[in-house]
Every structure is written in structure tokens, then in C-alpha cells.
Amino acid sequence: MRILVTGGSGFIGSAFLNRYVPNNSQHQFLNIDKLGYASHPLNTAELESLSNYSFARADLASFERVQELVTAFEPDRVFHFAAESHVDRSIRAPLEFVQSNVLGTANLLEACRQIWDGDQQPVFLSVSTDEVFGSLGESGAFSETTPYDPHSPYSASKASADHFCRAYYDTFKLPVKITNCSNNYGPRQFPEKLIPLMILNAMEDKPLPVYGEGLNVRDWLFVDDHCEALWQVAERGRVGETYCIGGGHDVPNIEIVRGITKLMSERRGVASLDHLITFVKDRPGHDFRYAIDSSKLRTELGWKPSCTFEEGLARTMDWYLGNPEWVRQVRSGEYQQWIESHYGVAH
């Protein structure tokens, strides 16, 4: 089987590849990534010597390049991770999110449509977010039937990508499946995100910036559990269906931050790091609460998270503490210079 992974050098994509490439030598994997600021070559460095793994630098916004790669590789499975994903950046530069998330998805769908025929049984799995559903009140949870109500340029771009996937299924019968996940965390996540930012700042006695009063609620999913859910959906989920994936750990952001300070203070042998918590002005359009109902996925495919939040947070913190060179390169931007010298500009 030939498995195409987009955005495989980013956080979730690299977790997926590192989980499945070494243990599936009978499958060929192609990682297509433009190597933007949040993708790091070190994330997949251990795979480069494996004969069933290959890499191509490309920007999904270029249809000609996408078409060239898809036609040459002829994938049986597509795991579409590639996306601009940080809400704050989408507020500052919304059109970049349209290019990557909307146009990039449409280009990939069209390239696959051109090579897949009725005799094949391929799968196009698009990895989306719970942010497309908007914001919840004090109770309830998002499910596959929740109406879309995006509030940021990021969530609007992902909602549009989801709609393109459904349109290609309805119009062209392209074998699409969509997943909407809650907030992921784990090793290799770019440090602009909440958990790695707090871990690294707490490690260095820097302020821990928390929006508003820290009462916004998110559901947290360990990245390895997410990857296992995606594999199960691709292999056994129903074509044309959506599956919501959640970790079942929805708590206010301030509790996450305090959990990190507690764990880091234990690692560092200090009494407390709570004095580092700094409340800052809330961002525009900040959704109050997300929670995911994963009962469809659990009932149909038997999936459930295998890692508790406490276990996952400890594993995540220990990974960052144990990989200072990765952290240094990401923070300095040095790896971007290496990318340009080796690959040039993505096209």
C-alpha cells in the first residue's frame, strides 16, 4: 500500500509517521511538506534511512506540483495533516490560511480525483479541528451533527476545507473521510502552542502568559492516541462519514497551566512556580469552551484514549527537557536556514 502524508514534518504528521513507518515495512510512505516555520526536519530524521520512507518538499497551494507528486506516487491512502493551525497567526495574516488550508486542500482533492477510478478502494482522510463548530456554553459537547460556526480565520479556513472534502465526495464520489479532533499535545509541538510554551517558559523562569482569566475550556488529546484513531478511521471507518476525536479531558486553561507549574517544580526541585503565571488581554473571538463527544468513534471502531492526561503531560514535559537541541533550533529559527540551503523555495 502507498500512503501519502501531507504535513508529515509538523507536529501531528511527524507523530503519525514515527509511529507507523518503522512498523509497516510493507507500506511505502511519502511525506509532502513545504517545511514552513512549524515543521522541523529533525522530526522525521530517524525515518530517512528507511527504504519505505521518502520526502518531497512542496507547497500544496501549487496545483502543478501537487499533481506531479500525486500522479507519480499513486497513493492508496492520503492522510492530509498539512495546515496553518495557530489562531493568533490567522488573525494577523488570514490570507495565508486561505492559501494553505483552503486552496491546498482543494488542490490535493483534485489531484487525487484525476488518478483514482472506480476500480480502486483508496481513502482520502482529512484531519480537521473542533474549532469549526464554534464555541460551547457551560455544558454539552461537539458531535458529528453539530452545525459549523467558525469564529476565527483559522477555523473558517478549516471549515471551508471540510466543505470542499464533502463536496468532492457528493459530486465526484471521491472516497473522503473527515475527522474533527480536540486540542492535541505531545512531543515535537511547536512552542507557540499553550502546553509547550508553558513548559519551556516554566523551565526558564519566564512569564507564563494566560489569556483573560484562564477560564476558556479545551479538551486535550495526546497525539499518539489521535494517530491511532486516524489509522482506525482510514482502515475501518465509513466513506463519506465524519468522526469526532476527543481526549475526554476538558478543563479550563488555567488548570492546565497550574498542572504544568506543579510538574515542572517537581522536576526542578523548587517549591512552586505559580508566581510566573501572568494574565494578559484576551484575544479577539476567543471561543469559550470546546468539548468532544467521541461516542461514534468508540462505538463503531472501538477506539478510546490509552493515555491519561497526567501521563501524557509528563511524557511531553520529559521530551522537551530531554531535547534541548531541538528546542534551541526551533526558537532560533536556525533550522529554517538549513532548509533553504538544502531545498530552496518550496513550490
Protein backbone atom coordinates (compact mmCIF):
# COMPACT_ATOMS: atom_id res chain seq x y z
CA MET A 1 0.00 0.00 0.00
CA ARG A 2 1.22 3.52 -0.84
CA ILE A 3 0.46 6.09 1.86
CA LEU A 4 0.77 9.80 1.17
CA VAL A 5 1.08 12.06 4.22
CA THR A 6 0.90 15.84 3.89
CA GLY A 7 2.48 17.99 6.57
CA GLY A 8 4.40 15.00 7.86
CA SER A 9 7.24 17.09 9.27
CA GLY A 10 4.89 19.04 11.53
CA PHE A 11 3.67 18.07 14.97
CA ILE A 12 0.85 15.58 14.37
CA GLY A 13 2.09 14.40 10.97
CA SER A 14 5.53 13.52 12.30
CA ALA A 15 3.98 11.70 15.27
CA PHE A 16 1.96 9.67 12.78
CA LEU A 17 4.96 8.85 10.60
CA ASN A 18 7.21 7.96 13.51
CA ARG A 19 4.50 5.66 14.83
CA TYR A 20 3.69 3.80 11.59
CA VAL A 21 6.62 3.91 9.15
CA PRO A 22 9.06 1.75 11.17
CA ASN A 23 6.42 -0.90 11.90
CA ASN A 24 4.93 -1.17 8.40
CA SER A 25 7.79 -2.03 6.06
CA GLN A 26 5.28 -3.49 3.59
CA HIS A 27 3.84 0.02 3.01
CA GLN A 28 5.52 2.89 1.16
CA PHE A 29 5.17 6.34 2.77
CA LEU A 30 5.62 9.68 1.01
CA ASN A 31 5.80 12.80 3.18
CA ILE A 32 4.90 16.02 1.35
CA ASP A 33 5.67 19.13 3.40
CA LYS A 34 6.54 22.69 2.48
CA LEU A 35 8.66 22.89 5.67
CA GLY A 36 7.12 26.07 6.98
CA TYR A 37 8.01 27.60 10.32
CA ALA A 38 6.26 24.89 12.38
CA SER A 39 7.77 21.92 10.50
CA HIS A 40 11.19 20.65 11.50
CA PRO A 41 13.43 18.20 9.57
CA LEU A 42 14.56 16.71 12.89
CA ASN A 43 11.00 15.49 13.48
CA THR A 44 11.44 12.75 10.88
CA ALA A 45 15.24 12.38 10.91
CA GLU A 46 15.10 8.79 12.18
CA LEU A 47 12.99 7.76 9.19
CA GLU A 48 15.32 8.97 6.46
CA SER A 49 17.37 5.77 6.37
CA LEU A 50 14.29 3.55 5.95
CA SER A 51 13.59 2.21 2.48
CA ASN A 52 9.81 2.62 2.81
CA TYR A 53 10.00 6.38 3.54
CA SER A 54 10.57 9.28 1.15
CA PHE A 55 10.19 13.04 1.36
CA ALA A 56 9.24 15.76 -1.11
CA ARG A 57 9.24 19.45 -0.32
CA ALA A 58 6.21 21.10 -1.88
CA ASP A 59 3.61 23.77 -1.25
CA LEU A 60 0.09 22.38 -1.63
CA ALA A 61 -1.01 25.78 -2.92
CA SER A 62 0.82 24.93 -6.19
CA PHE A 63 -1.53 22.64 -8.11
CA GLU A 64 1.07 21.69 -10.73
CA ARG A 65 3.49 20.45 -8.07
CA VAL A 66 0.78 18.59 -6.17
CA GLN A 67 -0.47 16.98 -9.36
CA GLU A 68 3.05 15.92 -10.29
CA LEU A 69 3.70 14.23 -6.94
CA VAL A 70 0.30 12.56 -6.61
CA THR A 71 0.41 11.24 -10.18
CA ALA A 72 3.89 9.81 -9.72
CA PHE A 73 3.23 8.21 -6.33
CA GLU A 74 -0.33 6.94 -6.97
CA PRO A 75 -1.35 6.76 -3.31
CA ASP A 76 -3.84 4.26 -1.91
CA ARG A 77 -4.24 6.31 1.27
CA VAL A 78 -3.95 10.05 1.84
CA PHE A 79 -3.58 11.40 5.37
CA HIS A 80 -3.99 15.16 5.00
CA PHE A 81 -2.41 16.89 8.01
CA ALA A 82 -0.91 19.94 6.27
CA ALA A 83 -2.39 23.19 7.56
CA GLU A 84 -1.62 26.52 9.11
CA SER A 85 -3.02 25.99 12.57
CA HIS A 86 -2.34 28.82 15.03
CA VAL A 87 -5.35 31.06 15.69
CA ASP A 88 -3.27 34.10 16.66
CA ARG A 89 -1.33 33.94 13.39
CA SER A 90 -4.58 33.65 11.43
CA ILE A 91 -5.76 36.91 12.97
CA ARG A 92 -2.57 38.64 11.82
CA ALA A 93 -2.36 37.04 8.36
CA PRO A 94 -5.70 35.47 7.34
CA LEU A 95 -4.92 35.11 3.62
CA GLU A 96 -2.01 32.77 4.36
CA PHE A 97 -4.54 30.44 5.95
CA VAL A 98 -6.79 30.61 2.89
CA GLN A 99 -3.85 29.67 0.67
CA SER A 100 -2.66 26.75 2.77
CA ASN A 101 -5.83 25.36 4.25
CA VAL A 102 -8.45 26.02 1.58
CA LEU A 103 -6.58 26.11 -1.72
CA GLY A 104 -4.10 23.45 -0.58
CA THR A 105 -6.90 21.05 0.32
CA ALA A 106 -8.78 21.69 -2.92
CA ASN A 107 -5.61 21.08 -4.96
CA LEU A 108 -4.95 17.79 -3.19
CA LEU A 109 -8.55 16.63 -3.67
CA GLU A 110 -8.44 17.47 -7.37
CA ALA A 111 -5.10 15.74 -7.91
CA CYS A 112 -6.45 12.58 -6.29
CA ARG A 113 -9.69 12.76 -8.30
CA GLN A 114 -7.68 12.75 -11.50
CA ILE A 115 -5.88 9.47 -10.73
CA TRP A 116 -8.45 7.45 -8.79
CA ASP A 117 -11.00 5.41 -10.71
CA GLY A 118 -13.89 3.17 -9.75
CA ASP A 119 -11.79 0.01 -9.58
CA GLN A 120 -9.72 1.28 -6.66
CA GLN A 121 -10.60 1.44 -2.98
CA PRO A 122 -8.49 4.40 -1.85
CA VAL A 123 -9.12 6.68 1.13
CA PHE A 124 -8.67 10.44 1.48
CA LEU A 125 -8.63 11.24 5.21
CA SER A 126 -8.75 14.94 6.02
CA VAL A 127 -7.64 15.84 9.54
CA SER A 128 -9.68 18.78 10.82
CA THR A 129 -10.43 20.52 14.11
CA ASP A 130 -13.24 21.01 16.60
CA GLU A 131 -12.81 24.77 16.18
CA VAL A 132 -15.04 24.64 13.07
CA PHE A 133 -18.00 24.17 15.42
CA GLY A 134 -17.55 27.47 17.23
CA SER A 135 -18.00 27.73 20.98
CA LEU A 136 -19.95 25.77 23.58
CA GLY A 137 -21.71 27.10 26.64
CA GLU A 138 -21.32 25.67 30.12
CA SER A 139 -22.50 22.20 29.06
CA GLY A 140 -22.73 19.89 26.08
CA ALA A 141 -20.18 18.60 23.58
CA PHE A 142 -19.50 18.78 19.87
CA SER A 143 -20.54 15.78 17.77
CA GLU A 144 -20.63 14.88 14.10
CA THR A 145 -24.02 16.59 13.72
CA THR A 146 -23.03 19.92 15.31
CA PRO A 147 -23.57 22.83 12.86
CA TYR A 148 -20.49 24.70 11.73
CA ASP A 149 -19.96 28.12 13.32
CA PRO A 150 -16.30 29.19 12.90
CA HIS A 151 -15.18 32.37 14.67
CA SER A 152 -11.56 32.91 13.56
CA PRO A 153 -9.84 32.99 10.16
CA TYR A 154 -8.17 29.70 11.11
CA SER A 155 -11.40 27.90 11.94
CA ALA A 156 -13.12 29.42 8.89
CA SER A 157 -10.34 28.10 6.64
CA LYS A 158 -10.62 24.61 8.14
CA ALA A 159 -14.42 24.69 7.83
CA SER A 160 -14.04 25.59 4.17
CA ALA A 161 -11.60 22.72 3.67
CA ASP A 162 -14.10 20.34 5.27
CA HIS A 163 -16.82 21.58 2.93
CA PHE A 164 -14.59 21.02 -0.10
CA CYS A 165 -13.98 17.45 1.06
CA ARG A 166 -17.71 16.80 1.38
CA ALA A 167 -18.36 18.44 -1.99
CA TYR A 168 -15.84 16.14 -3.67
CA TYR A 169 -17.50 13.15 -2.03
CA ASP A 170 -21.02 14.25 -3.03
CA THR A 171 -20.12 15.43 -6.53
CA PHE A 172 -17.34 13.09 -7.63
CA LYS A 173 -17.75 10.19 -5.17
CA LEU A 174 -14.18 10.73 -4.01
CA PRO A 175 -13.68 8.35 -1.04
CA VAL A 176 -13.34 11.04 1.62
CA LYS A 177 -13.40 10.68 5.39
CA ILE A 178 -13.13 13.63 7.81
CA THR A 179 -12.03 13.75 11.43
CA ASN A 180 -12.51 16.68 13.81
CA CYS A 181 -10.20 16.49 16.80
CA SER A 182 -9.78 18.37 20.05
CA ASN A 183 -6.57 20.11 21.14
CA ASN A 184 -3.54 17.87 20.61
CA TYR A 185 -0.46 17.90 22.81
CA GLY A 186 2.73 15.85 22.95
CA PRO A 187 6.39 15.81 21.85
CA ARG A 188 7.58 17.96 18.93
CA GLN A 189 4.77 20.51 19.12
CA PHE A 190 5.87 23.97 18.03
CA PRO A 191 6.35 26.13 21.16
CA GLU A 192 3.80 28.80 20.23
CA LYS A 193 1.09 26.38 21.42
CA LEU A 194 -0.12 26.52 25.02
CA ILE A 195 1.42 23.40 26.59
CA PRO A 196 4.94 23.55 25.07
CA LEU A 197 5.07 27.33 25.58
CA MET A 198 4.26 26.93 29.26
CA ILE A 199 6.70 24.03 29.68
CA LEU A 200 9.62 25.91 28.13
CA ASN A 201 8.87 29.19 29.89
CA ALA A 202 8.48 27.46 33.25
CA MET A 203 11.79 25.69 32.66
CA GLU A 204 13.49 29.08 32.28
CA ASP A 205 11.60 31.17 34.88
CA LYS A 206 9.89 33.21 32.18
CA PRO A 207 6.33 34.57 32.49
CA LEU A 208 3.50 32.18 31.67
CA PRO A 209 1.02 34.30 29.63
CA VAL A 210 -2.60 33.24 30.07
CA TYR A 211 -5.42 34.87 28.09
CA GLY A 212 -8.13 36.61 30.09
CA GLU A 213 -8.72 34.85 33.39
CA GLY A 214 -7.71 31.45 32.02
CA LEU A 215 -11.27 30.15 32.16
CA ASN A 216 -11.55 29.11 28.50
CA VAL A 217 -12.06 25.36 28.37
CA ARG A 218 -10.36 22.95 25.95
CA ASP A 219 -10.49 19.16 25.52
CA TRP A 220 -6.95 17.69 25.42
CA LEU A 221 -5.93 14.68 23.32
CA PHE A 222 -2.49 13.05 23.45
CA VAL A 223 -1.07 12.98 19.95
CA ASP A 224 -0.33 9.22 19.87
CA ASP A 225 -3.95 8.44 20.74
CA HIS A 226 -5.03 10.78 17.94
CA CYS A 227 -2.78 8.99 15.44
CA GLU A 228 -4.20 5.60 16.39
CA ALA A 229 -7.73 6.94 15.89
CA LEU A 230 -6.80 8.24 12.45
CA TRP A 231 -5.37 4.89 11.39
CA GLN A 232 -8.54 3.14 12.53
CA VAL A 233 -10.79 5.62 10.71
CA ALA A 234 -8.78 5.25 7.50
CA GLU A 235 -8.89 1.46 7.61
CA ARG A 236 -12.32 0.75 9.04
CA GLY A 237 -14.36 3.95 9.09
CA ARG A 238 -17.18 4.50 6.63
CA VAL A 239 -16.52 6.51 3.47
CA GLY A 240 -18.25 9.88 3.41
CA GLU A 241 -18.51 9.98 7.20
CA THR A 242 -17.15 12.34 9.84
CA TYR A 243 -15.64 11.12 13.13
CA CYS A 244 -15.02 13.33 16.16
CA ILE A 245 -11.90 12.52 18.18
CA GLY A 246 -11.55 13.82 21.74
CA GLY A 247 -9.40 13.04 24.74
CA GLY A 248 -12.21 13.35 27.27
CA HIS A 249 -10.19 15.82 29.35
CA ASP A 250 -11.88 19.21 29.07
CA VAL A 251 -10.66 21.69 31.67
CA PRO A 252 -10.01 25.45 31.91
CA ASN A 253 -6.68 26.63 30.55
CA ILE A 254 -5.60 27.88 33.97
CA GLU A 255 -5.79 24.32 35.32
CA ILE A 256 -3.52 23.14 32.52
CA VAL A 257 -1.01 25.87 33.33
CA ARG A 258 -1.08 25.10 37.05
CA GLY A 259 -0.61 21.41 36.30
CA ILE A 260 2.49 22.31 34.31
CA THR A 261 3.93 24.53 37.05
CA LYS A 262 3.36 21.76 39.61
CA LEU A 263 5.05 19.14 37.45
CA MET A 264 7.93 21.44 36.50
CA SER A 265 8.52 22.48 40.10
CA GLU A 266 8.89 18.79 40.95
CA ARG A 267 11.33 18.29 38.07
CA ARG A 268 13.36 21.33 39.12
CA GLY A 269 13.19 20.69 42.85
CA VAL A 270 11.62 24.05 43.73
CA ALA A 271 8.63 24.84 45.94
CA SER A 272 6.32 26.47 43.36
CA LEU A 273 6.35 28.22 40.01
CA ASP A 274 2.82 29.65 40.18
CA HIS A 275 4.26 33.16 40.58
CA LEU A 276 5.21 33.00 36.88
CA ILE A 277 1.54 32.92 35.78
CA THR A 278 0.71 36.24 34.08
CA PHE A 279 -2.79 37.09 32.87
CA VAL A 280 -2.85 39.01 29.58
CA LYS A 281 -5.51 40.68 27.43
CA ASP A 282 -7.80 38.13 25.78
CA ARG A 283 -7.53 37.60 22.04
CA PRO A 284 -10.37 38.61 19.66
CA GLY A 285 -13.05 35.99 19.02
CA HIS A 286 -11.70 33.65 21.70
CA ASP A 287 -14.13 30.70 21.88
CA PHE A 288 -15.13 29.96 25.46
CA ARG A 289 -15.37 26.19 25.56
CA TYR A 290 -14.71 23.11 23.42
CA ALA A 291 -15.59 19.52 24.28
CA ILE A 292 -15.83 16.46 22.04
CA ASP A 293 -18.31 13.58 22.07
CA SER A 294 -16.33 10.63 20.64
CA SER A 295 -19.09 8.05 21.13
CA LYS A 296 -19.48 7.39 17.38
CA LEU A 297 -15.79 6.54 17.07
CA ARG A 298 -15.82 4.45 20.22
CA THR A 299 -18.97 2.55 19.23
CA GLU A 300 -18.15 1.89 15.56
CA LEU A 301 -14.40 1.32 15.76
CA GLY A 302 -13.75 0.51 19.42
CA TRP A 303 -11.25 3.35 19.87
CA LYS A 304 -10.63 5.08 23.16
CA PRO A 305 -7.69 7.08 24.54
CA SER A 306 -4.99 4.90 26.06
CA CYS A 307 -3.07 7.70 27.77
CA THR A 308 -4.38 9.74 30.69
CA PHE A 309 -3.74 13.46 30.61
CA GLU A 310 -1.38 13.22 33.57
CA GLU A 311 0.68 10.51 31.84
CA GLY A 312 0.71 12.41 28.57
CA LEU A 313 1.73 15.68 30.18
CA ALA A 314 4.62 14.01 32.00
CA ARG A 315 5.81 12.33 28.78
CA THR A 316 5.54 15.63 26.93
CA MET A 317 7.47 17.61 29.54
CA ASP A 318 10.22 15.00 29.74
CA TRP A 319 10.59 15.05 25.95
CA TYR A 320 11.15 18.82 25.89
CA LEU A 321 13.55 18.62 28.83
CA GLY A 322 15.45 15.83 27.07
CA ASN A 323 15.72 17.54 23.66
CA PRO A 324 17.38 20.92 24.22
CA GLU A 325 18.93 20.99 20.73
CA TRP A 326 15.53 20.69 19.07
CA VAL A 327 14.24 23.49 21.29
CA ARG A 328 17.25 25.69 20.54
CA GLN A 329 16.94 25.29 16.78
CA VAL A 330 13.21 25.97 16.78
CA ARG A 331 13.50 29.07 18.91
CA SER A 332 16.44 30.50 16.99
CA GLY A 333 14.99 29.75 13.57
CA GLU A 334 18.35 28.24 12.62
CA TYR A 335 16.70 25.19 11.07
CA GLN A 336 14.93 27.45 8.56
CA GLN A 337 18.31 28.49 7.14
CA TRP A 338 19.26 24.82 6.81
CA ILE A 339 16.01 24.13 4.95
CA GLU A 340 16.61 26.90 2.44
CA SER A 341 20.21 25.83 1.81
CA HIS A 342 19.18 22.21 1.20
CA TYR A 343 15.83 22.58 -0.54
CA GLY A 344 15.46 26.13 -1.81
CA VAL A 345 11.98 27.58 -2.06
CA ALA A 346 9.01 25.22 -1.88
CA HIS A 347 6.87 25.07 -5.00
